[in-house]
């Protein structure tokens, strides 16, 4: 690998140190005695850390260092892990073991690796573990960070928070003009946090190191925990829905979920770590957790405010490589699913104006839509709804004259629907809120009331 040591031959992945000064967090890693991989996270106009939040801030930086390391660990997946900065307590180490195992599940599947038994974070002696700062938990937050991703989900959360009168700030990480435009359209205060990956990682990748999907939401969550403590926010409201907890497929006896760090298991676990080790007054939750993707689409469709700025097409958010000329490429699973999910709830001309074309009347896209309904293929490795949701959406469109003769809808009606139990195709069954969640009590009515 030129002058670099191949990380795949390394014996140990090292969490070397983490530093913070003047609004910049530096996260440092290395494989064995190889070059340091330095990631920088920039918090704009960062205030001095309040004395009463110093312990929580340091604990949040430690958690960020440990979680963000997953981007670099995966380049080599060595058997040894050394934490040279701040060794985690037993509960946090167990959480990290689970995060790295399941968060890298898709990566392991594509690289034909078995990570079970290979990930073991060291554990600090009990006496070395500091408790979280004293304070009482606050179920109703005074100031809330709401992460904006550019798609429909976070915009639905924004409108719910606005309706509830919550003092919210739209926050995003990285340089994305599309997300910036969405954030500006919300009318909320905004916060844009910078993240710069180590260039050494890209050199490793070019030379053939392991590469693949990582749990980005986990990393973003850790960054926002630091931001919340630094800027004095009391809550972080993500927009991950119920469908995110559904596995994509099973591989070698283990469930593999592309969206694992958007799922309920991660939300609950990281929330417990935040409460125990950072600040019990900081509430981490997903506002849309009880909703299906279709229920979120239904709510998004009630307003036209974001039609001209939102996009869920992941090709807009690539770190490297070309991006689509328009907001929707029309070829990826996200474009396919969002079109299908919105179609039952939007006038057809409005939806076609958003996408610029009718994706359901294009026979060349049949394989992509077949994967969404899990017909002859598994669900795509993408942030899309469950197969039952997509099938219900197709069935609803097949019963409507304006959609029923479009190529893929007609095909579903003729060839696929007769093979399915009609009871499983009911659209209403997909729209009722249900399931576990961590939503503050005063916001629950806004989420569970289908008419809001």
Protein backbone atom coordinates (compact mmCIF):
# COMPACT_ATOMS: atom_id res chain seq x y z
CA UNK A 1 0.00 0.00 0.00
CA UNK A 2 2.67 2.49 -1.06
CA UNK A 3 4.18 3.97 2.16
CA UNK A 4 1.13 3.08 4.21
CA UNK A 5 0.82 -0.07 6.25
CA UNK A 6 -2.10 -2.20 5.08
CA UNK A 7 -4.66 -1.82 7.88
CA UNK A 8 -5.97 -5.30 7.08
CA UNK A 9 -2.70 -6.69 8.47
CA UNK A 10 -2.76 -4.56 11.61
CA UNK A 11 -2.91 -6.19 15.02
CA UNK A 12 -4.59 -3.30 16.81
CA UNK A 13 -6.79 -0.28 16.19
CA UNK A 14 -5.89 2.56 18.53
CA UNK A 15 -8.05 5.36 19.89
CA UNK A 16 -5.04 7.60 20.39
CA UNK A 17 -6.47 10.82 21.82
CA UNK A 18 -9.15 13.43 21.48
CA UNK A 19 -8.61 17.16 21.85
CA UNK A 20 -10.81 20.24 21.87
CA UNK A 21 -9.96 23.91 21.47
CA UNK A 22 -11.68 26.96 20.02
CA UNK A 23 -14.69 25.12 18.70
CA UNK A 24 -12.74 22.29 17.00
CA UNK A 25 -12.70 18.69 18.22
CA UNK A 26 -9.79 16.60 16.94
CA UNK A 27 -10.31 12.83 17.03
CA UNK A 28 -7.12 10.83 16.55
CA UNK A 29 -6.78 7.15 15.62
CA UNK A 30 -4.12 4.79 14.25
CA UNK A 31 -3.51 1.20 13.17
CA UNK A 32 -0.56 -0.20 15.15
CA UNK A 33 2.28 2.33 14.73
CA UNK A 34 0.95 3.62 11.40
CA UNK A 35 0.14 7.22 10.55
CA UNK A 36 -2.37 9.07 12.67
CA UNK A 37 -5.86 9.43 11.26
CA UNK A 38 -7.14 12.80 12.43
CA UNK A 39 -10.79 13.78 12.08
CA UNK A 40 -11.94 17.32 12.83
CA UNK A 41 -15.41 18.39 13.88
CA UNK A 42 -16.03 22.15 13.89
CA UNK A 43 -18.65 23.82 16.06
CA UNK A 44 -19.25 27.35 14.73
CA UNK A 45 -19.23 30.34 17.10
CA UNK A 46 -18.71 27.92 19.97
CA UNK A 47 -19.19 29.52 23.38
CA UNK A 48 -16.94 28.73 26.33
CA UNK A 49 -17.97 25.50 28.00
CA UNK A 50 -20.12 26.36 30.99
CA UNK A 51 -18.56 25.19 34.25
CA UNK A 52 -21.64 23.18 35.21
CA UNK A 53 -21.49 21.38 31.86
CA UNK A 54 -17.72 20.70 31.76
CA UNK A 55 -17.92 17.12 33.06
CA UNK A 56 -20.73 16.30 30.66
CA UNK A 57 -18.90 17.96 27.78
CA UNK A 58 -15.75 15.91 28.40
CA UNK A 59 -17.83 12.73 28.61
CA UNK A 60 -19.59 13.65 25.36
CA UNK A 61 -16.22 14.17 23.62
CA UNK A 62 -15.09 10.77 24.85
CA UNK A 63 -18.24 9.16 23.45
CA UNK A 64 -17.82 10.97 20.12
CA UNK A 65 -14.21 9.77 19.88
CA UNK A 66 -15.25 6.17 20.48
CA UNK A 67 -18.25 6.19 18.13
CA UNK A 68 -16.64 8.12 15.25
CA UNK A 69 -13.76 5.64 15.24
CA UNK A 70 -15.99 3.17 13.42
CA UNK A 71 -15.27 5.04 10.15
CA UNK A 72 -11.59 4.11 10.47
CA UNK A 73 -11.74 0.78 12.31
CA UNK A 74 -13.58 -0.77 9.37
CA UNK A 75 -10.60 -0.18 7.05
CA UNK A 76 -8.73 -3.03 8.74
CA UNK A 77 -10.99 -4.70 11.34
CA UNK A 78 -8.06 -5.84 13.49
CA UNK A 79 -8.62 -8.19 16.41
CA UNK A 80 -7.23 -5.74 18.97
CA UNK A 81 -8.77 -2.47 20.19
CA UNK A 82 -6.82 -0.08 22.43
CA UNK A 83 -8.34 3.03 23.98
CA UNK A 84 -5.50 5.31 25.04
CA UNK A 85 -7.57 8.39 25.82
CA UNK A 86 -10.39 7.43 28.19
CA UNK A 87 -11.26 3.77 28.72
CA UNK A 88 -15.04 3.25 28.81
CA UNK A 89 -16.95 1.75 31.70
CA UNK A 90 -18.50 -1.70 31.33
CA UNK A 91 -21.92 -0.47 30.19
CA UNK A 92 -20.47 1.91 27.60
CA UNK A 93 -18.05 -0.74 26.34
CA UNK A 94 -20.93 -3.19 25.91
CA UNK A 95 -22.87 -0.53 24.01
CA UNK A 96 -19.87 0.05 21.72
CA UNK A 97 -19.43 -3.68 21.12
CA UNK A 98 -23.05 -3.86 20.01
CA UNK A 99 -22.84 -0.70 17.88
CA UNK A 100 -19.73 -1.85 16.01
CA UNK A 101 -21.14 -5.36 15.48
CA UNK A 102 -24.59 -4.38 14.21
CA UNK A 103 -23.68 -0.99 12.79
CA UNK A 104 -21.14 -2.76 10.57
CA UNK A 105 -23.52 -5.61 9.75
CA UNK A 106 -24.04 -4.54 6.13
CA UNK A 107 -20.30 -3.85 5.75
CA UNK A 108 -19.54 -7.35 7.02
CA UNK A 109 -22.12 -8.89 4.69
CA UNK A 110 -20.66 -7.27 1.57
CA UNK A 111 -17.06 -8.01 2.59
CA UNK A 112 -17.91 -11.57 3.66
CA UNK A 113 -16.56 -11.02 7.17
CA UNK A 114 -17.78 -12.42 10.47
CA UNK A 115 -17.31 -9.78 13.16
CA UNK A 116 -18.77 -11.85 15.98
CA UNK A 117 -16.18 -12.35 18.67
CA UNK A 118 -13.76 -9.89 17.05
CA UNK A 119 -14.97 -6.64 18.63
CA UNK A 120 -14.02 -6.22 22.30
CA UNK A 121 -13.67 -2.76 23.75
CA UNK A 122 -11.50 -2.54 26.87
CA UNK A 123 -13.26 -1.80 30.15
CA UNK A 124 -12.13 0.65 32.84
CA UNK A 125 -11.94 -0.37 36.46
CA UNK A 126 -15.16 0.59 38.24
CA UNK A 127 -13.36 3.09 40.48
CA UNK A 128 -12.20 5.04 37.43
CA UNK A 129 -15.70 5.66 36.11
CA UNK A 130 -17.27 9.05 36.79
CA UNK A 131 -21.02 9.35 37.10
CA UNK A 132 -22.99 11.74 34.96
CA UNK A 133 -23.44 15.27 36.34
CA UNK A 134 -26.14 15.55 38.94
CA UNK A 135 -29.51 16.79 37.80
CA UNK A 136 -33.06 15.66 37.28
CA UNK A 137 -34.22 14.34 33.95
CA UNK A 138 -36.28 16.82 31.93
CA UNK A 139 -38.96 15.08 29.83
CA UNK A 140 -40.11 18.37 28.29
CA UNK A 141 -37.17 20.18 26.71
CA UNK A 142 -36.71 23.93 26.70
CA UNK A 143 -34.41 24.00 23.65
CA UNK A 144 -34.26 21.25 21.04
CA UNK A 145 -31.83 20.39 18.24
CA UNK A 146 -33.65 18.85 15.27
CA UNK A 147 -31.29 17.27 12.70
CA UNK A 148 -32.18 18.08 9.09
CA UNK A 149 -31.30 15.55 6.41
CA UNK A 150 -32.93 17.14 3.39
CA UNK A 151 -35.70 14.55 3.14
CA UNK A 152 -39.34 14.39 4.13
CA UNK A 153 -38.91 12.83 7.59
CA UNK A 154 -37.01 15.61 9.34
CA UNK A 155 -39.31 18.21 7.77
CA UNK A 156 -42.33 16.45 9.24
CA UNK A 157 -40.60 16.61 12.63
CA UNK A 158 -39.93 20.32 12.17
CA UNK A 159 -43.60 21.03 11.55
CA UNK A 160 -44.67 18.94 14.55
CA UNK A 161 -42.25 20.79 16.82
CA UNK A 162 -43.40 24.14 15.47
CA UNK A 163 -47.03 23.19 16.05
CA UNK A 164 -46.17 22.25 19.65
CA UNK A 165 -44.42 25.57 20.23
CA UNK A 166 -41.02 23.99 20.88
CA UNK A 167 -37.95 26.24 20.71
CA UNK A 168 -36.11 24.26 18.03
CA UNK A 169 -32.95 24.79 15.99
CA UNK A 170 -32.41 23.05 12.66
CA UNK A 171 -28.96 21.44 12.63
CA UNK A 172 -26.98 19.59 9.99
CA UNK A 173 -23.46 18.25 9.63
CA UNK A 174 -21.29 18.82 6.60
CA UNK A 175 -21.50 21.02 3.55
CA UNK A 176 -24.75 20.40 1.66
CA UNK A 177 -26.45 23.26 -0.19
CA UNK A 178 -29.58 21.11 -0.47
CA UNK A 179 -29.84 20.60 3.29
CA UNK A 180 -29.02 24.26 3.86
CA UNK A 181 -31.93 25.24 1.60
CA UNK A 182 -34.30 22.93 3.49
CA UNK A 183 -33.12 24.30 6.84
CA UNK A 184 -33.65 27.87 5.64
CA UNK A 185 -37.16 27.01 4.46
CA UNK A 186 -38.13 25.76 7.95
CA UNK A 187 -37.93 29.27 9.37
CA UNK A 188 -36.07 27.93 12.43
CA UNK A 189 -32.74 29.09 13.77
CA UNK A 190 -29.97 27.06 12.11
CA UNK A 191 -26.69 25.46 13.09
CA UNK A 192 -24.26 23.93 10.58
CA UNK A 193 -21.52 21.77 12.09
CA UNK A 194 -18.45 20.91 10.01
CA UNK A 195 -16.92 17.45 9.76
CA UNK A 196 -13.62 16.68 8.02
CA UNK A 197 -12.61 13.03 7.68
CA UNK A 198 -8.95 12.10 7.77
CA UNK A 199 -7.43 12.15 4.26
CA UNK A 200 -5.39 9.09 5.26
CA UNK A 201 -8.61 7.06 5.22
CA UNK A 202 -9.14 7.88 1.55
CA UNK A 203 -5.58 6.81 0.81
CA UNK A 204 -6.24 3.52 2.56
CA UNK A 205 -9.41 3.09 0.51
CA UNK A 206 -7.65 3.81 -2.77
CA UNK A 207 -5.05 1.19 -1.90
CA UNK A 208 -7.62 -1.54 -1.25
CA UNK A 209 -8.53 -1.39 2.45
CA UNK A 210 -11.89 -2.70 3.56
CA UNK A 211 -14.67 -0.26 2.77
CA UNK A 212 -18.43 -0.14 3.00
CA UNK A 213 -21.46 1.10 4.89
CA UNK A 214 -21.08 2.61 8.37
CA UNK A 215 -23.78 3.72 10.85
CA UNK A 216 -23.67 7.43 10.02
CA UNK A 217 -26.63 8.24 12.26
CA UNK A 218 -24.67 6.96 15.26
CA UNK A 219 -21.78 9.30 14.43
CA UNK A 220 -24.11 12.24 13.84
CA UNK A 221 -25.84 11.47 17.12
CA UNK A 222 -22.54 11.63 19.00
CA UNK A 223 -21.63 14.92 17.31
CA UNK A 224 -25.00 16.39 18.27
CA UNK A 225 -24.63 15.27 21.88
CA UNK A 226 -21.42 17.31 22.06
CA UNK A 227 -23.22 20.23 20.39
CA UNK A 228 -26.16 20.02 22.78
CA UNK A 229 -23.92 20.19 25.83
CA UNK A 230 -21.75 22.92 24.32
CA UNK A 231 -24.56 25.23 23.19
CA UNK A 232 -26.93 24.48 26.06
CA UNK A 233 -29.67 22.44 24.38
CA UNK A 234 -31.84 20.10 26.41
CA UNK A 235 -33.00 17.66 23.72
CA UNK A 236 -32.08 16.13 20.38
CA UNK A 237 -35.09 15.14 18.27
CA UNK A 238 -34.22 12.79 15.43
CA UNK A 239 -36.75 11.71 12.79
CA UNK A 240 -36.30 7.94 12.59
CA UNK A 241 -39.53 6.05 12.03
CA UNK A 242 -40.72 2.60 13.12
CA UNK A 243 -39.74 0.99 9.81
CA UNK A 244 -36.05 1.70 10.47
CA UNK A 245 -35.94 -1.12 13.01
CA UNK A 246 -36.78 -3.74 10.39
CA UNK A 247 -33.84 -5.85 9.18
CA UNK A 248 -32.87 -5.84 5.52
CA UNK A 249 -32.00 -9.55 5.47
CA UNK A 250 -30.44 -12.34 7.52
CA UNK A 251 -26.83 -13.37 6.89
CA UNK A 252 -25.15 -16.34 8.54
CA UNK A 253 -27.66 -16.40 11.37
CA UNK A 254 -27.52 -12.67 12.06
CA UNK A 255 -30.01 -9.96 11.15
CA UNK A 256 -28.47 -7.27 8.94
CA UNK A 257 -30.15 -3.87 9.03
CA UNK A 258 -28.90 -1.03 6.80
CA UNK A 259 -30.63 1.38 9.20
CA UNK A 260 -29.49 -0.16 12.48
CA UNK A 261 -28.38 3.13 14.03
CA UNK A 262 -31.75 4.62 13.05
CA UNK A 263 -33.59 1.79 14.80
CA UNK A 264 -35.17 1.52 18.22
CA UNK A 265 -32.40 -0.64 19.71
CA UNK A 266 -29.78 2.03 19.05
CA UNK A 267 -32.04 4.90 20.16
CA UNK A 268 -32.77 3.23 23.47
CA UNK A 269 -29.16 2.17 24.10
CA UNK A 270 -27.50 5.49 23.28
CA UNK A 271 -30.16 7.30 25.29
CA UNK A 272 -29.23 5.22 28.32
CA UNK A 273 -25.52 6.02 27.86
CA UNK A 274 -26.27 9.74 27.59
CA UNK A 275 -28.38 9.65 30.75
CA UNK A 276 -25.84 7.64 32.74
CA UNK A 277 -22.56 9.16 31.59
CA UNK A 278 -23.18 12.61 30.09
CA UNK A 279 -26.23 14.44 31.43
CA UNK A 280 -29.53 13.01 32.68
CA UNK A 281 -31.19 16.29 31.67
CA UNK A 282 -30.29 15.80 27.98
CA UNK A 283 -33.07 13.90 26.23
CA UNK A 284 -32.27 11.97 23.02
CA UNK A 285 -35.22 10.63 21.08
CA UNK A 286 -36.85 10.15 17.69
CA UNK A 287 -40.05 12.13 17.28
CA UNK A 288 -41.35 9.83 14.52
CA UNK A 289 -40.53 6.47 16.14
CA UNK A 290 -44.19 5.24 16.38
CA UNK A 291 -44.88 6.01 12.71
CA UNK A 292 -44.42 3.92 9.59
CA UNK A 293 -42.77 5.43 6.51
CA UNK A 294 -46.20 5.66 4.90
CA UNK A 295 -47.58 7.56 7.88
CA UNK A 296 -44.70 10.02 7.60
CA UNK A 297 -45.36 10.40 3.86
CA UNK A 298 -49.03 11.03 4.57
CA UNK A 299 -48.15 13.86 6.93
CA UNK A 300 -45.54 15.35 4.63
CA UNK A 301 -48.06 15.46 1.77
CA UNK A 302 -50.35 17.80 3.71
CA UNK A 303 -48.10 20.79 2.99
CA UNK A 304 -46.51 22.01 -0.22
CA UNK A 305 -44.01 24.21 1.63
CA UNK A 306 -41.01 21.99 0.92
CA UNK A 307 -41.85 20.62 -2.53
CA UNK A 308 -39.23 22.75 -4.27
CA UNK A 309 -36.35 22.09 -1.86
CA UNK A 310 -36.50 18.61 -0.31
CA UNK A 311 -34.83 15.46 -1.62
CA UNK A 312 -34.27 11.98 -0.25
CA UNK A 313 -32.06 10.90 -3.18
CA UNK A 314 -28.83 9.70 -1.57
CA UNK A 315 -26.80 10.54 -4.65
CA UNK A 316 -27.11 14.15 -3.53
CA UNK A 317 -25.12 13.37 -0.40
CA UNK A 318 -22.15 11.42 -1.70
CA UNK A 319 -18.78 12.31 -0.20
CA UNK A 320 -17.09 11.41 -3.49
CA UNK A 321 -18.39 10.90 -7.02
CA UNK A 322 -20.95 12.63 -9.23
CA UNK A 323 -24.25 14.01 -7.99
CA UNK A 324 -27.47 14.22 -10.02
CA UNK A 325 -28.12 17.38 -11.98
CA UNK A 326 -31.58 17.53 -10.41
CA UNK A 327 -32.68 16.82 -6.85
CA UNK A 328 -33.98 13.36 -7.84
CA UNK A 329 -31.97 10.91 -9.96
CA UNK A 330 -35.01 8.64 -10.49
CA UNK A 331 -32.79 5.55 -10.52
CA UNK A 332 -31.92 4.81 -6.89
CA UNK A 333 -34.01 2.92 -4.30
CA UNK A 334 -34.63 6.10 -2.29
CA UNK A 335 -36.16 7.85 -5.31
CA UNK A 336 -38.28 4.80 -6.04
CA UNK A 337 -39.52 4.41 -2.49
CA UNK A 338 -40.28 8.08 -1.80
CA UNK A 339 -42.21 8.34 -5.08
CA UNK A 340 -44.21 5.22 -4.19
CA UNK A 341 -44.80 6.29 -0.58
CA UNK A 342 -46.06 9.76 -1.52
CA UNK A 343 -48.24 8.64 -4.43
CA UNK A 344 -51.25 7.51 -2.34
CA UNK A 345 -51.36 10.87 -0.54
CA UNK A 346 -50.57 13.47 -3.21
CA UNK A 347 -52.40 14.64 -6.31
CA UNK A 348 -50.63 12.99 -9.22
CA UNK A 349 -49.67 16.26 -11.01
CA UNK A 350 -47.98 17.54 -7.84
CA UNK A 351 -45.90 14.39 -7.43
CA UNK A 352 -44.87 14.35 -11.10
CA UNK A 353 -43.85 18.01 -10.79
CA UNK A 354 -41.60 17.17 -7.83
CA UNK A 355 -39.82 14.28 -9.57
CA UNK A 356 -40.04 15.55 -13.14
CA UNK A 357 -41.30 12.19 -14.40
CA UNK A 358 -43.60 9.27 -13.58
CA UNK A 359 -41.41 6.54 -12.11
CA UNK A 360 -44.33 4.12 -11.92
CA UNK A 361 -44.87 4.26 -15.66
CA UNK A 362 -41.33 3.18 -16.56
CA UNK A 363 -40.98 -0.57 -17.16
CA UNK A 364 -37.18 -0.34 -16.99
CA UNK A 365 -37.50 0.36 -13.25
CA UNK A 366 -39.42 -2.83 -12.46
CA UNK A 367 -36.49 -4.57 -10.74
CA UNK A 368 -36.01 -1.65 -8.36
CA UNK A 369 -39.66 -1.57 -7.37
CA UNK A 370 -39.73 -5.38 -7.08
CA UNK A 371 -37.01 -5.13 -4.42
CA UNK A 372 -39.09 -2.60 -2.47
CA UNK A 373 -42.00 -5.05 -2.28
CA UNK A 374 -39.58 -7.95 -1.65
CA UNK A 375 -40.67 -9.73 -4.81
CA UNK A 376 -37.90 -11.97 -6.17
CA UNK A 377 -35.34 -9.99 -4.16
CA UNK A 378 -34.63 -8.70 -0.65
CA UNK A 379 -35.27 -5.14 0.40
CA UNK A 380 -32.55 -2.74 -0.84
CA UNK A 381 -29.69 -1.72 1.43
CA UNK A 382 -31.16 1.73 1.74
CA UNK A 383 -33.30 3.79 4.11
CA UNK A 384 -36.61 2.60 2.73
CA UNK A 385 -39.81 1.28 4.29
CA UNK A 386 -40.77 -2.31 4.91
CA UNK A 387 -41.92 -4.54 2.09
CA UNK A 388 -45.46 -4.64 3.49
CA UNK A 389 -45.66 -0.84 3.29
CA UNK A 390 -44.62 -0.80 -0.36
CA UNK A 391 -47.08 -3.55 -1.21
CA UNK A 392 -49.88 -1.64 0.53
CA UNK A 393 -48.98 1.52 -1.40
CA UNK A 394 -49.06 -0.38 -4.71
CA UNK A 395 -52.44 -1.90 -3.83
CA UNK A 396 -53.87 1.52 -3.00
CA UNK A 397 -52.69 2.91 -6.34
CA UNK A 398 -54.03 -0.11 -8.23
CA UNK A 399 -57.51 0.81 -7.00
CA UNK A 400 -57.30 4.38 -8.29
CA UNK A 401 -58.10 5.23 -11.90
CA UNK A 402 -55.40 7.89 -12.24
CA UNK A 403 -52.66 5.36 -11.35
CA UNK A 404 -54.03 1.93 -12.20
CA UNK A 405 -52.92 1.85 -15.83
CA UNK A 406 -49.36 3.05 -15.24
CA UNK A 407 -46.99 0.26 -16.26
CA UNK A 408 -45.71 -0.89 -12.87
CA UNK A 409 -49.03 -0.43 -11.08
CA UNK A 410 -50.85 -2.42 -13.77
CA UNK A 411 -48.20 -5.14 -13.54
CA UNK A 412 -48.62 -5.29 -9.75
CA UNK A 413 -52.39 -5.60 -10.13
CA UNK A 414 -52.18 -8.37 -12.75
CA UNK A 415 -49.17 -10.44 -11.69
CA UNK A 416 -48.29 -9.81 -8.06
CA UNK A 417 -51.40 -8.89 -6.09
CA UNK A 418 -53.17 -12.21 -6.86
CA UNK A 419 -50.33 -14.01 -5.03
CA UNK A 420 -50.82 -11.97 -1.85
CA UNK A 421 -53.30 -12.09 1.01
CA UNK A 422 -55.65 -9.14 0.39
CA UNK A 423 -55.78 -8.46 4.13
CA UNK A 424 -52.05 -7.67 4.11
CA UNK A 425 -52.55 -4.93 1.51
CA UNK A 426 -54.73 -2.60 3.58
CA UNK A 427 -53.25 0.89 3.54
CA UNK A 428 -54.98 2.01 6.75
CA UNK A 429 -53.27 -0.77 8.70
CA UNK A 430 -49.91 0.85 7.92
CA UNK A 431 -50.88 4.30 9.14
CA UNK A 432 -51.71 3.85 12.84
CA UNK A 433 -48.97 4.94 15.29
CA UNK A 434 -47.76 2.17 17.59
CA UNK A 435 -44.72 0.78 19.35
CA UNK A 436 -42.14 1.86 21.89
CA UNK A 437 -40.72 5.37 21.90
CA UNK A 438 -38.90 7.97 24.00
CA UNK A 439 -41.01 10.98 22.96
CA UNK A 440 -41.51 13.63 25.68
CA UNK A 441 -45.00 13.30 27.15
CA UNK A 442 -46.26 16.68 26.03
CA UNK A 443 -45.35 15.93 22.40
CA UNK A 444 -47.01 12.51 22.25
CA UNK A 445 -50.45 13.89 21.24
CA UNK A 446 -48.89 15.73 18.29
CA UNK A 447 -47.40 12.48 16.97
CA UNK A 448 -50.32 10.17 17.67
CA UNK A 449 -52.98 12.52 16.33
CA UNK A 450 -53.15 11.53 12.66
CA UNK A 451 -54.72 14.85 11.70
CA UNK A 452 -51.90 17.07 12.92
